[in-house]
């Protein structure tokens, strides 16, 4: 399914089966860890009501819907006959498309929220901030999915293997029988939402790296008791910054950008499949990091200004 529109590189039947199992296992793990992440975010929201946590909560919910629907679509198609689709498969295909678009939307809104945090830090008042984000994050995917559903796009998708034979890795998605399936799929999942999200959020991640570098450089003149201690402190800060950047990369949905390497080599397809099927696990690690930071902030009066600005923010209702 990942490589179905690639005219250069074809996936054999054995690799298609392996990729399917990797995706099933990764999605199952993501479902488990996103549920835990939702619980952690809810607890964090009650302890420290901030809009950043609310945005994380919405993105995690979209990821949960995506992985859960993907497994349902994959397993339901096993019960269908060769030329059968059925209204359940069409409905699951619609919901899978909607979940994917919602994931892209909330990842883009994470980048927008980060922009407000880093660029327009002070004197910001956005009335009903989360409500407005929710209208975009959930409303736009709903509109696109409804229009596609009315057009009769959804159904059973049967990708072709390297021998131009129907692959066993079928799924309820956009029907292979729909004449403009490739065009609709490309426009509504790749060309517009995914590419725009990756471009904007890549810029935001670059801004984060620039801000971190500036903050570290500004605090580099502080005196210390010895060069060993200075090097140790710099090493710890570097590791902390790298962890922050890697965590934000997953939160901003940048692993989806690895789809470009699926057109180059078969290992690229495996890398893309593994990383994106485990996005729920990465979100869990980010939620654990936020939880640990919240506890350390409550127990300590000293805070690192760089990570504080990067990881948390608040807006008034």
Protein backbone atom coordinates (compact mmCIF):
# COMPACT_ATOMS: atom_id res chain seq x y z
CA UNK A 1 0.00 0.00 0.00
CA UNK A 2 2.84 2.39 0.80
CA UNK A 3 4.56 1.78 -2.51
CA UNK A 4 1.56 1.33 -4.78
CA UNK A 5 2.13 4.57 -6.71
CA UNK A 6 5.85 4.02 -7.29
CA UNK A 7 6.61 3.20 -10.94
CA UNK A 8 10.31 2.57 -10.23
CA UNK A 9 10.43 0.24 -7.23
CA UNK A 10 8.03 -2.66 -6.71
CA UNK A 11 7.49 -4.64 -3.54
CA UNK A 12 7.47 -8.42 -3.77
CA UNK A 13 4.84 -10.59 -2.14
CA UNK A 14 7.12 -11.74 0.69
CA UNK A 15 8.18 -8.16 1.48
CA UNK A 16 4.55 -7.03 1.37
CA UNK A 17 3.65 -9.68 3.94
CA UNK A 18 6.61 -8.72 6.14
CA UNK A 19 5.69 -5.04 5.96
CA UNK A 20 2.09 -5.88 6.83
CA UNK A 21 3.13 -7.80 9.95
CA UNK A 22 5.49 -5.00 10.99
CA UNK A 23 2.66 -2.50 10.61
CA UNK A 24 0.20 -4.68 12.54
CA UNK A 25 2.60 -5.13 15.45
CA UNK A 26 3.63 -1.47 15.45
CA UNK A 27 0.02 -0.29 15.31
CA UNK A 28 -0.95 -2.59 18.17
CA UNK A 29 1.89 -1.19 20.28
CA UNK A 30 0.91 2.35 19.30
CA UNK A 31 -2.69 1.75 20.39
CA UNK A 32 -1.53 0.49 23.78
CA UNK A 33 0.88 3.36 24.38
CA UNK A 34 -1.41 6.10 23.04
CA UNK A 35 -4.07 5.03 25.54
CA UNK A 36 -1.49 5.40 28.32
CA UNK A 37 -0.42 8.74 26.84
CA UNK A 38 -4.01 9.99 26.88
CA UNK A 39 -4.26 9.09 30.57
CA UNK A 40 -0.99 10.89 31.33
CA UNK A 41 -2.07 13.99 29.40
CA UNK A 42 -5.43 14.07 31.18
CA UNK A 43 -3.64 13.88 34.54
CA UNK A 44 -1.24 16.62 33.44
CA UNK A 45 -4.12 18.79 32.25
CA UNK A 46 -5.81 18.51 35.62
CA UNK A 47 -2.60 19.30 37.49
CA UNK A 48 -1.40 22.06 35.17
CA UNK A 49 -4.08 23.27 32.73
CA UNK A 50 -2.12 24.46 29.70
CA UNK A 51 -3.17 24.69 26.09
CA UNK A 52 0.00 22.93 24.91
CA UNK A 53 -1.07 19.81 26.76
CA UNK A 54 -4.51 20.13 25.20
CA UNK A 55 -2.97 20.16 21.72
CA UNK A 56 -0.86 17.11 22.58
CA UNK A 57 -4.01 15.41 23.82
CA UNK A 58 -5.84 16.01 20.54
CA UNK A 59 -2.91 14.75 18.44
CA UNK A 60 -2.64 11.63 20.56
CA UNK A 61 -6.36 11.01 20.11
CA UNK A 62 -6.00 11.34 16.34
CA UNK A 63 -3.12 8.85 16.36
CA UNK A 64 -5.18 6.42 18.42
CA UNK A 65 -8.03 6.65 15.90
CA UNK A 66 -5.59 6.16 13.02
CA UNK A 67 -3.91 3.00 14.32
CA UNK A 68 -7.12 1.49 15.67
CA UNK A 69 -8.96 2.08 12.40
CA UNK A 70 -6.03 0.73 10.39
CA UNK A 71 -6.16 -2.59 12.26
CA UNK A 72 -9.94 -2.75 11.88
CA UNK A 73 -9.68 -2.06 8.14
CA UNK A 74 -6.98 -4.69 7.71
CA UNK A 75 -8.80 -7.39 9.65
CA UNK A 76 -12.28 -6.71 8.25
CA UNK A 77 -11.14 -7.15 4.65
CA UNK A 78 -10.23 -10.76 5.47
CA UNK A 79 -13.95 -11.53 5.88
CA UNK A 80 -14.84 -10.23 2.41
CA UNK A 81 -15.05 -12.25 -0.76
CA UNK A 82 -12.75 -11.47 -3.69
CA UNK A 83 -15.06 -8.98 -5.44
CA UNK A 84 -17.03 -7.92 -2.38
CA UNK A 85 -16.74 -4.54 -0.67
CA UNK A 86 -19.81 -3.85 1.45
CA UNK A 87 -20.91 -0.76 3.30
CA UNK A 88 -18.87 -1.63 6.40
CA UNK A 89 -15.65 -1.64 4.40
CA UNK A 90 -16.59 1.67 2.79
CA UNK A 91 -17.31 3.17 6.20
CA UNK A 92 -14.02 1.91 7.62
CA UNK A 93 -12.17 3.30 4.60
CA UNK A 94 -13.78 6.69 5.17
CA UNK A 95 -12.87 6.64 8.86
CA UNK A 96 -9.29 5.60 8.08
CA UNK A 97 -8.92 8.49 5.63
CA UNK A 98 -10.46 10.87 8.16
CA UNK A 99 -8.11 9.66 10.92
CA UNK A 100 -5.07 10.10 8.68
CA UNK A 101 -6.11 13.64 7.74
CA UNK A 102 -6.82 14.45 11.40
CA UNK A 103 -3.34 13.25 12.33
CA UNK A 104 -1.80 15.51 9.69
CA UNK A 105 -3.99 18.43 10.79
CA UNK A 106 -3.10 18.17 14.47
CA UNK A 107 0.58 17.70 13.69
CA UNK A 108 0.41 20.94 11.68
CA UNK A 109 -1.40 22.64 14.56
CA UNK A 110 1.39 21.50 16.87
CA UNK A 111 3.75 23.42 14.61
CA UNK A 112 1.45 26.47 14.68
CA UNK A 113 1.31 26.33 18.47
CA UNK A 114 5.09 26.10 18.58
CA UNK A 115 5.28 29.18 16.35
CA UNK A 116 3.17 31.18 18.80
CA UNK A 117 5.38 29.95 21.63
CA UNK A 118 8.74 30.76 20.06
CA UNK A 119 8.05 33.77 17.83
CA UNK A 120 5.14 35.55 19.50
CA UNK A 121 5.83 34.76 23.12
CA UNK A 122 4.35 37.75 24.91
CA UNK A 123 1.06 39.63 24.86
CA UNK A 124 -0.90 36.89 23.12
CA UNK A 125 -4.59 36.55 23.78
CA UNK A 126 -6.53 34.05 21.69
CA UNK A 127 -10.12 33.66 22.76
CA UNK A 128 -11.38 30.05 22.78
CA UNK A 129 -8.01 28.96 21.48
CA UNK A 130 -8.48 25.19 21.73
CA UNK A 131 -12.01 25.39 20.32
CA UNK A 132 -10.75 27.19 17.22
CA UNK A 133 -7.94 24.69 16.79
CA UNK A 134 -10.44 21.85 17.14
CA UNK A 135 -12.63 23.29 14.39
CA UNK A 136 -9.63 23.15 12.06
CA UNK A 137 -8.09 19.94 13.36
CA UNK A 138 -11.28 17.89 13.25
CA UNK A 139 -13.51 19.93 10.94
CA UNK A 140 -11.33 20.06 7.82
CA UNK A 141 -10.69 16.28 7.77
CA UNK A 142 -14.41 15.69 8.29
CA UNK A 143 -15.30 17.92 5.34
CA UNK A 144 -12.79 16.20 3.03
CA UNK A 145 -13.87 12.71 4.10
CA UNK A 146 -17.57 13.51 3.63
CA UNK A 147 -16.97 14.88 0.12
CA UNK A 148 -14.92 11.81 -0.81
CA UNK A 149 -17.57 9.55 0.70
CA UNK A 150 -20.33 11.16 -1.34
CA UNK A 151 -18.17 10.63 -4.44
CA UNK A 152 -18.03 6.90 -3.72
CA UNK A 153 -14.25 6.73 -3.35
CA UNK A 154 -14.03 4.27 -0.48
CA UNK A 155 -14.00 0.49 -0.64
CA UNK A 156 -11.56 -2.43 -0.79
CA UNK A 157 -8.06 -1.56 -1.92
CA UNK A 158 -5.99 -4.35 -3.49
CA UNK A 159 -2.40 -3.28 -4.26
CA UNK A 160 -0.40 -4.99 -6.98
CA UNK A 161 2.85 -6.82 -6.26
CA UNK A 162 6.04 -6.92 -8.35
CA UNK A 163 4.48 -9.50 -10.71
CA UNK A 164 1.36 -7.39 -11.36
CA UNK A 165 -0.66 -9.81 -9.26
CA UNK A 166 -3.16 -8.80 -6.60
CA UNK A 167 -1.35 -8.69 -3.27
CA UNK A 168 -2.67 -10.40 -0.17
CA UNK A 169 -2.08 -7.17 1.79
CA UNK A 170 -5.57 -5.77 1.14
CA UNK A 171 -7.29 -3.12 3.21
CA UNK A 172 -10.47 -1.05 3.40
CA UNK A 173 -9.31 2.27 2.00
CA UNK A 174 -9.98 3.91 -1.37
CA UNK A 175 -11.48 1.35 -3.72
CA UNK A 176 -9.27 -0.06 -6.45
CA UNK A 177 -12.38 0.03 -8.68
CA UNK A 178 -12.74 3.81 -8.41
CA UNK A 179 -11.35 5.34 -11.67
CA UNK A 180 -9.71 8.41 -10.10
CA UNK A 181 -8.46 6.66 -6.96
CA UNK A 182 -4.78 7.49 -7.53
CA UNK A 183 -5.53 11.16 -8.18
CA UNK A 184 -7.86 11.53 -5.19
CA UNK A 185 -5.47 9.67 -2.90
CA UNK A 186 -2.50 11.76 -4.01
CA UNK A 187 -4.26 15.11 -3.64
CA UNK A 188 -6.07 14.46 -0.35
CA UNK A 189 -3.33 12.57 1.50
CA UNK A 190 0.05 13.49 -0.01
CA UNK A 191 0.19 16.63 -2.15
CA UNK A 192 -1.76 18.99 0.10
CA UNK A 193 -1.97 17.88 3.77
CA UNK A 194 1.18 15.82 4.18
CA UNK A 195 3.57 17.99 2.16
CA UNK A 196 2.34 21.25 3.69
CA UNK A 197 2.54 19.81 7.20
CA UNK A 198 6.09 18.55 6.67
CA UNK A 199 7.32 21.79 5.10
CA UNK A 200 5.84 24.04 7.79
CA UNK A 201 6.86 21.84 10.70
CA UNK A 202 10.37 21.37 9.33
CA UNK A 203 10.74 25.14 9.40
CA UNK A 204 9.46 25.18 12.98
CA UNK A 205 11.93 22.49 14.01
CA UNK A 206 14.73 24.51 12.44
CA UNK A 207 13.56 27.51 14.45
CA UNK A 208 13.63 25.39 17.61
CA UNK A 209 17.22 24.36 16.93
CA UNK A 210 18.15 28.01 16.30
CA UNK A 211 16.48 29.13 19.54
CA UNK A 212 18.18 26.38 21.54
CA UNK A 213 21.54 27.28 20.05
CA UNK A 214 20.99 30.95 20.89
CA UNK A 215 19.92 30.22 24.45
CA UNK A 216 22.87 27.92 25.06
CA UNK A 217 25.28 30.42 23.52
CA UNK A 218 23.86 33.17 25.71
CA UNK A 219 24.41 31.15 28.86
CA UNK A 220 27.84 29.90 27.81
CA UNK A 221 29.71 32.67 29.63
CA UNK A 222 28.64 31.52 33.08
CA UNK A 223 31.53 30.75 35.36
CA UNK A 224 32.16 27.28 36.68
CA UNK A 225 34.53 25.66 39.13
CA UNK A 226 36.56 23.86 36.45
CA UNK A 227 36.78 22.88 32.82
CA UNK A 228 35.71 19.30 33.54
CA UNK A 229 32.51 20.51 35.12
CA UNK A 230 31.93 22.87 32.19
CA UNK A 231 32.35 20.07 29.66
CA UNK A 232 30.09 17.78 31.66
CA UNK A 233 27.39 20.43 31.88
CA UNK A 234 27.67 21.15 28.15
CA UNK A 235 27.43 17.45 27.37
CA UNK A 236 24.31 17.04 29.49
CA UNK A 237 22.70 20.10 27.90
CA UNK A 238 23.56 18.79 24.43
CA UNK A 239 21.94 15.44 25.18
CA UNK A 240 18.91 17.21 26.59
CA UNK A 241 18.62 19.41 23.51
CA UNK A 242 18.98 16.42 21.18
CA UNK A 243 16.24 14.58 23.07
CA UNK A 244 14.01 17.65 22.83
CA UNK A 245 14.58 17.97 19.08
CA UNK A 246 13.98 14.26 18.46
CA UNK A 247 10.82 14.34 20.57
CA UNK A 248 9.52 17.38 18.74
CA UNK A 249 10.29 15.71 15.41
CA UNK A 250 7.84 12.94 16.28
CA UNK A 251 5.25 15.31 17.74
CA UNK A 252 5.41 17.45 14.59
CA UNK A 253 4.86 14.41 12.37
CA UNK A 254 8.18 14.68 10.54
CA UNK A 255 8.62 10.87 10.25
CA UNK A 256 5.93 11.07 7.54
CA UNK A 257 8.51 12.91 5.46
CA UNK A 258 10.45 9.66 5.17
CA UNK A 259 7.87 8.61 2.58
CA UNK A 260 10.21 10.11 0.00
CA UNK A 261 12.81 7.39 0.63
CA UNK A 262 10.25 4.69 -0.19
CA UNK A 263 10.77 5.64 -3.84
CA UNK A 264 14.50 4.93 -3.61
CA UNK A 265 15.07 1.56 -1.98
CA UNK A 266 13.33 -1.31 -0.24
CA UNK A 267 15.15 -0.63 3.07
CA UNK A 268 13.67 2.87 2.91
CA UNK A 269 10.20 1.34 2.85
CA UNK A 270 11.03 -0.72 5.94
CA UNK A 271 12.40 2.33 7.78
CA UNK A 272 9.32 4.37 6.92
CA UNK A 273 6.98 1.55 7.98
CA UNK A 274 8.72 0.91 11.30
CA UNK A 275 8.99 4.56 12.37
CA UNK A 276 5.44 5.54 11.42
CA UNK A 277 3.81 2.44 12.86
CA UNK A 278 5.52 3.25 16.19
CA UNK A 279 4.45 6.90 16.37
CA UNK A 280 2.19 6.09 19.28
CA UNK A 281 5.20 4.77 21.20
CA UNK A 282 7.12 7.97 20.48
CA UNK A 283 4.18 10.06 21.68
CA UNK A 284 4.17 8.01 24.88
CA UNK A 285 7.86 8.79 25.46
CA UNK A 286 7.12 12.48 24.92
CA UNK A 287 4.23 12.36 27.40
CA UNK A 288 6.49 10.66 29.96
CA UNK A 289 9.09 13.40 29.43
CA UNK A 290 6.45 16.08 30.02
CA UNK A 291 5.20 14.28 33.13
CA UNK A 292 8.70 13.99 34.57
CA UNK A 293 9.39 17.64 33.79
CA UNK A 294 6.16 18.69 35.47
CA UNK A 295 7.12 16.83 38.63
CA UNK A 296 10.66 18.22 38.63
CA UNK A 297 9.30 21.75 38.15
CA UNK A 298 7.01 21.29 41.12
CA UNK A 299 9.84 19.98 43.29
CA UNK A 300 12.49 22.50 42.25
CA UNK A 301 12.53 26.26 42.06
CA UNK A 302 15.25 26.34 39.38
CA UNK A 303 14.21 25.76 35.79
CA UNK A 304 16.09 25.58 32.51
CA UNK A 305 14.68 28.49 30.47
CA UNK A 306 15.35 26.88 27.10
CA UNK A 307 13.54 23.61 27.70
CA UNK A 308 10.82 25.41 29.63
CA UNK A 309 10.07 27.55 26.59
CA UNK A 310 10.29 24.69 24.16
CA UNK A 311 8.18 22.11 25.98
CA UNK A 312 5.43 24.16 27.67
CA UNK A 313 3.29 27.24 27.09
CA UNK A 314 -0.14 28.51 28.01
CA UNK A 315 -2.83 30.67 26.47
CA UNK A 316 -5.83 32.22 28.08
CA UNK A 317 -9.30 31.07 27.13
